[in-house]
Amino acid sequence: MSYGKQDPQYTRELFIRGALVEGEFDTRLPFFAHNRKLVADIAQT
């Protein structure tokens, strides 16, 4: 189900939490690898 048109703010929050924070995003894009490294570095401190 696409929430984008119904609730764009909630959809954005879901994407940030699931894909960017939790890593539930299957991609080889460089920004994502960089983001995962930042999350790992922060978790180690």
PDB file of N, CA and C in Angstrom:
ATOM      1  N   MET A   1       0.838  -1.170   0.000  1.00  0.00           N
ATOM      2  CA  MET A   1       0.000   0.000   0.000  1.00  0.00           C
ATOM      3  C   MET A   1       0.890   1.243   0.000  1.00  0.00           C
ATOM      4  N   SER A   2       0.556   2.178  -0.786  1.00  0.00           N
ATOM      5  CA  SER A   2       1.311   3.417  -0.873  1.00  0.00           C
ATOM      6  C   SER A   2       0.669   4.483   0.017  1.00  0.00           C
ATOM      7  N   TYR A   3       1.445   4.955   0.991  1.00  0.00           N
ATOM      8  CA  TYR A   3       0.952   5.992   1.891  1.00  0.00           C
ATOM      9  C   TYR A   3       1.342   7.396   1.439  1.00  0.00           C
ATOM     10  N   GLY A   4       2.217   7.494   0.467  1.00  0.00           N
ATOM     11  CA  GLY A   4       2.778   8.768   0.052  1.00  0.00           C
ATOM     12  C   GLY A   4       1.772   9.873  -0.186  1.00  0.00           C
ATOM     13  N   LYS A   5       0.716   9.579  -0.891  1.00  0.00           N
ATOM     14  CA  LYS A   5      -0.278  10.613  -1.198  1.00  0.00           C
ATOM     15  C   LYS A   5      -1.242  10.838  -0.035  1.00  0.00           C
ATOM     16  N   GLN A   6      -1.444   9.818   0.783  1.00  0.00           N
ATOM     17  CA  GLN A   6      -2.379   9.932   1.895  1.00  0.00           C
ATOM     18  C   GLN A   6      -1.763  10.656   3.091  1.00  0.00           C
ATOM     19  N   ASP A   7      -0.509  10.342   3.391  1.00  0.00           N
ATOM     20  CA  ASP A   7       0.142  10.932   4.559  1.00  0.00           C
ATOM     21  C   ASP A   7       1.639  11.048   4.302  1.00  0.00           C
ATOM     22  N   PRO A   8       2.064  12.062   3.549  1.00  0.00           N
ATOM     23  CA  PRO A   8       3.472  12.190   3.170  1.00  0.00           C
ATOM     24  C   PRO A   8       4.415  12.314   4.357  1.00  0.00           C
ATOM     25  N   GLN A   9       3.995  12.982   5.417  1.00  0.00           N
ATOM     26  CA  GLN A   9       4.867  13.143   6.580  1.00  0.00           C
ATOM     27  C   GLN A   9       5.122  11.793   7.254  1.00  0.00           C
ATOM     28  N   TYR A  10       4.078  10.992   7.411  1.00  0.00           N
ATOM     29  CA  TYR A  10       4.226   9.665   8.013  1.00  0.00           C
ATOM     30  C   TYR A  10       5.063   8.751   7.120  1.00  0.00           C
ATOM     31  N   THR A  11       4.849   8.827   5.819  1.00  0.00           N
ATOM     32  CA  THR A  11       5.620   8.027   4.872  1.00  0.00           C
ATOM     33  C   THR A  11       7.099   8.364   4.961  1.00  0.00           C
ATOM     34  N   ARG A  12       7.423   9.629   5.052  1.00  0.00           N
ATOM     35  CA  ARG A  12       8.812  10.070   5.182  1.00  0.00           C
ATOM     36  C   ARG A  12       9.422   9.517   6.463  1.00  0.00           C
ATOM     37  N   GLU A  13       8.673   9.590   7.562  1.00  0.00           N
ATOM     38  CA  GLU A  13       9.149   9.071   8.843  1.00  0.00           C
ATOM     39  C   GLU A  13       9.397   7.566   8.768  1.00  0.00           C
ATOM     40  N   LEU A  14       8.491   6.833   8.148  1.00  0.00           N
ATOM     41  CA  LEU A  14       8.666   5.389   7.986  1.00  0.00           C
ATOM     42  C   LEU A  14       9.935   5.074   7.200  1.00  0.00           C
ATOM     43  N   PHE A  15      10.166   5.815   6.121  1.00  0.00           N
ATOM     44  CA  PHE A  15      11.349   5.584   5.304  1.00  0.00           C
ATOM     45  C   PHE A  15      12.614   5.871   6.100  1.00  0.00           C
ATOM     46  N   ILE A  16      12.644   6.983   6.803  1.00  0.00           N
ATOM     47  CA  ILE A  16      13.841   7.340   7.572  1.00  0.00           C
ATOM     48  C   ILE A  16      14.128   6.294   8.632  1.00  0.00           C
ATOM     49  N   ARG A  17      13.120   5.894   9.369  1.00  0.00           N
ATOM     50  CA  ARG A  17      13.326   4.907  10.437  1.00  0.00           C
ATOM     51  C   ARG A  17      13.698   3.535   9.897  1.00  0.00           C
ATOM     52  N   GLY A  18      12.923   3.045   8.954  1.00  0.00           N
ATOM     53  CA  GLY A  18      13.141   1.692   8.452  1.00  0.00           C
ATOM     54  C   GLY A  18      14.339   1.569   7.543  1.00  0.00           C
ATOM     55  N   ALA A  19      14.394   2.410   6.553  1.00  0.00           N
ATOM     56  CA  ALA A  19      15.450   2.281   5.538  1.00  0.00           C
ATOM     57  C   ALA A  19      16.776   2.868   5.994  1.00  0.00           C
ATOM     58  N   LEU A  20      16.759   4.093   6.475  1.00  0.00           N
ATOM     59  CA  LEU A  20      18.018   4.770   6.768  1.00  0.00           C
ATOM     60  C   LEU A  20      18.581   4.426   8.141  1.00  0.00           C
ATOM     61  N   VAL A  21      17.734   4.302   9.155  1.00  0.00           N
ATOM     62  CA  VAL A  21      18.234   4.007  10.496  1.00  0.00           C
ATOM     63  C   VAL A  21      18.417   2.506  10.695  1.00  0.00           C
ATOM     64  N   GLU A  22      17.413   1.721  10.374  1.00  0.00           N
ATOM     65  CA  GLU A  22      17.471   0.280  10.606  1.00  0.00           C
ATOM     66  C   GLU A  22      18.188  -0.480   9.489  1.00  0.00           C
ATOM     67  N   GLY A  23      18.387   0.156   8.351  1.00  0.00           N
ATOM     68  CA  GLY A  23      19.101  -0.483   7.250  1.00  0.00           C
ATOM     69  C   GLY A  23      18.257  -1.401   6.394  1.00  0.00           C
ATOM     70  N   GLU A  24      16.954  -1.264   6.458  1.00  0.00           N
ATOM     71  CA  GLU A  24      16.045  -2.115   5.692  1.00  0.00           C
ATOM     72  C   GLU A  24      15.821  -1.555   4.291  1.00  0.00           C
ATOM     73  N   PHE A  25      16.891  -1.405   3.565  1.00  0.00           N
ATOM     74  CA  PHE A  25      16.837  -0.806   2.237  1.00  0.00           C
ATOM     75  C   PHE A  25      17.897  -1.514   1.401  1.00  0.00           C
ATOM     76  N   ASP A  26      17.489  -2.185   0.351  1.00  0.00           N
ATOM     77  CA  ASP A  26      18.412  -2.963  -0.472  1.00  0.00           C
ATOM     78  C   ASP A  26      18.897  -2.109  -1.639  1.00  0.00           C
ATOM     79  N   THR A  27      20.105  -1.559  -1.485  1.00  0.00           N
ATOM     80  CA  THR A  27      20.664  -0.713  -2.534  1.00  0.00           C
ATOM     81  C   THR A  27      22.180  -0.731  -2.467  1.00  0.00           C
ATOM     82  N   ARG A  28      22.797  -0.380  -3.541  1.00  0.00           N
ATOM     83  CA  ARG A  28      24.253  -0.255  -3.592  1.00  0.00           C
ATOM     84  C   ARG A  28      24.678   1.207  -3.756  1.00  0.00           C
ATOM     85  N   LEU A  29      23.773   2.112  -3.526  1.00  0.00           N
ATOM     86  CA  LEU A  29      24.076   3.526  -3.674  1.00  0.00           C
ATOM     87  C   LEU A  29      25.093   3.962  -2.618  1.00  0.00           C
ATOM     88  N   PRO A  30      26.077   4.763  -3.024  1.00  0.00           N
ATOM     89  CA  PRO A  30      27.141   5.172  -2.100  1.00  0.00           C
ATOM     90  C   PRO A  30      26.646   5.892  -0.839  1.00  0.00           C
ATOM     91  N   PHE A  31      25.591   6.711  -0.958  1.00  0.00           N
ATOM     92  CA  PHE A  31      25.109   7.425   0.222  1.00  0.00           C
ATOM     93  C   PHE A  31      24.647   6.463   1.304  1.00  0.00           C
ATOM     94  N   PHE A  32      24.108   5.317   0.884  1.00  0.00           N
ATOM     95  CA  PHE A  32      23.577   4.373   1.864  1.00  0.00           C
ATOM     96  C   PHE A  32      24.707   3.686   2.619  1.00  0.00           C
ATOM     97  N   ALA A  33      25.748   3.299   1.915  1.00  0.00           N
ATOM     98  CA  ALA A  33      26.908   2.698   2.577  1.00  0.00           C
ATOM     99  C   ALA A  33      27.529   3.697   3.552  1.00  0.00           C
ATOM    100  N   HIS A  34      27.625   4.945   3.144  1.00  0.00           N
ATOM    101  CA  HIS A  34      28.162   5.987   4.011  1.00  0.00           C
ATOM    102  C   HIS A  34      27.277   6.155   5.252  1.00  0.00           C
ATOM    103  N   ASN A  35      25.967   6.165   5.059  1.00  0.00           N
ATOM    104  CA  ASN A  35      25.035   6.300   6.170  1.00  0.00           C
ATOM    105  C   ASN A  35      25.170   5.126   7.145  1.00  0.00           C
ATOM    106  N   ARG A  36      25.297   3.929   6.623  1.00  0.00           N
ATOM    107  CA  ARG A  36      25.448   2.745   7.498  1.00  0.00           C
ATOM    108  C   ARG A  36      26.728   2.847   8.313  1.00  0.00           C
ATOM    109  N   LYS A  37      27.800   3.349   7.711  1.00  0.00           N
ATOM    110  CA  LYS A  37      29.059   3.515   8.441  1.00  0.00           C
ATOM    111  C   LYS A  37      28.897   4.544   9.551  1.00  0.00           C
ATOM    112  N   LEU A  38      28.215   5.648   9.278  1.00  0.00           N
ATOM    113  CA  LEU A  38      27.977   6.658  10.306  1.00  0.00           C
ATOM    114  C   LEU A  38      27.176   6.083  11.475  1.00  0.00           C
ATOM    115  N   VAL A  39      26.153   5.321  11.181  1.00  0.00           N
ATOM    116  CA  VAL A  39      25.333   4.707  12.229  1.00  0.00           C
ATOM    117  C   VAL A  39      26.186   3.750  13.060  1.00  0.00           C
ATOM    118  N   ALA A  40      27.027   2.949  12.411  1.00  0.00           N
ATOM    119  CA  ALA A  40      27.896   2.014  13.133  1.00  0.00           C
ATOM    120  C   ALA A  40      28.915   2.762  14.002  1.00  0.00           C
ATOM    121  N   ASP A  41      29.495   3.821  13.481  1.00  0.00           N
ATOM    122  CA  ASP A  41      30.452   4.612  14.243  1.00  0.00           C
ATOM    123  C   ASP A  41      29.806   5.224  15.481  1.00  0.00           C
ATOM    124  N   ILE A  42      28.625   5.745  15.329  1.00  0.00           N
ATOM    125  CA  ILE A  42      27.913   6.346  16.469  1.00  0.00           C
ATOM    126  C   ILE A  42      27.560   5.286  17.498  1.00  0.00           C
ATOM    127  N   ALA A  43      27.179   4.114  17.048  1.00  0.00           N
ATOM    128  CA  ALA A  43      26.818   3.033  17.967  1.00  0.00           C
ATOM    129  C   ALA A  43      28.006   2.561  18.807  1.00  0.00           C
ATOM    130  N   GLN A  44      29.208   2.717  18.284  1.00  0.00           N
ATOM    131  CA  GLN A  44      30.411   2.288  18.995  1.00  0.00           C
ATOM    132  C   GLN A  44      30.832   3.273  20.083  1.00  0.00           C
ATOM    133  N   THR A  45      30.334   4.499  20.047  1.00  0.00           N
ATOM    134  CA  THR A  45      30.761   5.488  21.032  1.00  0.00           C
ATOM    135  C   THR A  45      29.918   5.479  22.266  1.00  0.00           C
TER     136      THR A  45
END
